[in-house]
Amino acid sequence: MYKIITILILLIILFFMVRRAARAWIEQKPDQATPGKDVMIQDPVCKVYVTAGSAVVEEISGQRYYFCSQDCAKHFRRESTK
């Protein structure tokens, strides 16, 4: 009797694990395209254009942002958490 209960519990746990993995796989976003290093990108804080190769790259809330300096990145992160 204990073997059957143990097997049922393990099957239930396995079901929920597979379901969670399937949902994560279905809901995953495609990777954001990385621009070439010579592409000009506007800093969202100070509105200065910088090349993607020389920009400070931060990933905030699953989205990639490009900044002209660490100060702009810190300011943006601080403002986005409010």
Protein backbone atom coordinates (compact mmCIF):
# COMPACT_ATOMS: atom_id res chain seq x y z
CA MET A 1 0.00 0.00 0.00
CA TYR A 2 2.84 2.39 0.87
CA LYS A 3 4.51 1.69 -2.45
CA ILE A 4 1.41 2.74 -4.37
CA ILE A 5 1.05 5.96 -2.37
CA THR A 6 4.75 6.75 -2.85
CA ILE A 7 4.51 6.14 -6.60
CA LEU A 8 1.39 8.34 -6.85
CA ILE A 9 3.11 11.17 -4.97
CA LEU A 10 6.16 10.92 -7.21
CA LEU A 11 3.96 10.94 -10.32
CA ILE A 12 2.14 14.04 -9.12
CA ILE A 13 5.44 15.82 -8.44
CA LEU A 14 6.72 14.78 -11.86
CA PHE A 15 3.53 16.06 -13.50
CA PHE A 16 3.89 19.52 -11.93
CA MET A 17 7.58 19.70 -12.82
CA VAL A 18 6.91 18.81 -16.45
CA ARG A 19 4.01 21.27 -16.60
CA ARG A 20 6.16 24.10 -15.22
CA ALA A 21 8.96 23.33 -17.68
CA ALA A 22 6.51 23.22 -20.59
CA ARG A 23 4.99 26.58 -19.62
CA ALA A 24 8.41 28.17 -19.30
CA TRP A 25 9.42 26.79 -22.70
CA ILE A 26 6.22 28.04 -24.38
CA GLU A 27 6.33 31.48 -22.76
CA GLN A 28 10.03 32.16 -23.33
CA LYS A 29 10.74 35.25 -25.38
CA PRO A 30 13.00 35.04 -28.38
CA ASP A 31 16.43 36.51 -27.79
CA GLN A 32 16.65 40.18 -28.54
CA ALA A 33 18.79 40.85 -31.54
CA THR A 34 22.12 42.37 -30.57
CA PRO A 35 22.92 45.34 -32.78
CA GLY A 36 26.26 45.56 -34.55
CA LYS A 37 29.04 47.37 -32.71
CA ASP A 38 28.90 50.37 -35.07
CA VAL A 39 25.14 50.93 -34.76
CA MET A 40 24.21 54.20 -33.05
CA ILE A 41 21.84 53.77 -30.10
CA GLN A 42 20.23 56.51 -28.02
CA ASP A 43 20.78 56.54 -24.28
CA PRO A 44 17.32 56.53 -22.60
CA VAL A 45 18.47 58.86 -19.80
CA CYS A 46 20.45 61.70 -21.37
CA LYS A 47 19.37 61.08 -25.00
CA VAL A 48 22.99 60.99 -26.26
CA TYR A 49 23.76 58.67 -29.17
CA VAL A 50 26.52 56.12 -28.61
CA THR A 51 27.78 53.19 -30.62
CA ALA A 52 26.61 49.80 -29.39
CA GLY A 53 30.23 48.67 -29.16
CA SER A 54 31.20 51.40 -26.70
CA ALA A 55 27.93 51.56 -24.75
CA VAL A 56 27.37 50.31 -21.22
CA VAL A 57 24.88 47.44 -21.56
CA GLU A 58 22.46 46.65 -18.74
CA GLU A 59 19.66 44.11 -18.66
CA ILE A 60 16.78 45.43 -16.58
CA SER A 61 13.53 43.48 -16.17
CA GLY A 62 14.46 41.19 -19.03
CA GLN A 63 15.09 44.02 -21.50
CA ARG A 64 18.49 45.17 -22.74
CA TYR A 65 19.34 48.88 -22.46
CA TYR A 66 22.38 50.79 -23.75
CA PHE A 67 23.84 53.74 -21.85
CA CYS A 68 26.61 56.25 -22.49
CA SER A 69 28.04 55.86 -18.98
CA GLN A 70 27.73 53.96 -15.72
CA ASP A 71 26.13 57.04 -14.13
CA CYS A 72 23.26 56.98 -16.64
CA ALA A 73 22.81 53.24 -16.07
CA LYS A 74 22.67 53.72 -12.28
CA HIS A 75 20.20 56.61 -12.65
CA PHE A 76 17.95 54.56 -14.96
CA ARG A 77 18.04 51.53 -12.65
CA ARG A 78 17.25 53.72 -9.64
CA GLU A 79 14.30 55.37 -11.45
CA SER A 80 12.93 52.07 -12.79
CA THR A 81 12.75 50.52 -9.31
CA LYS A 82 10.59 53.31 -7.89
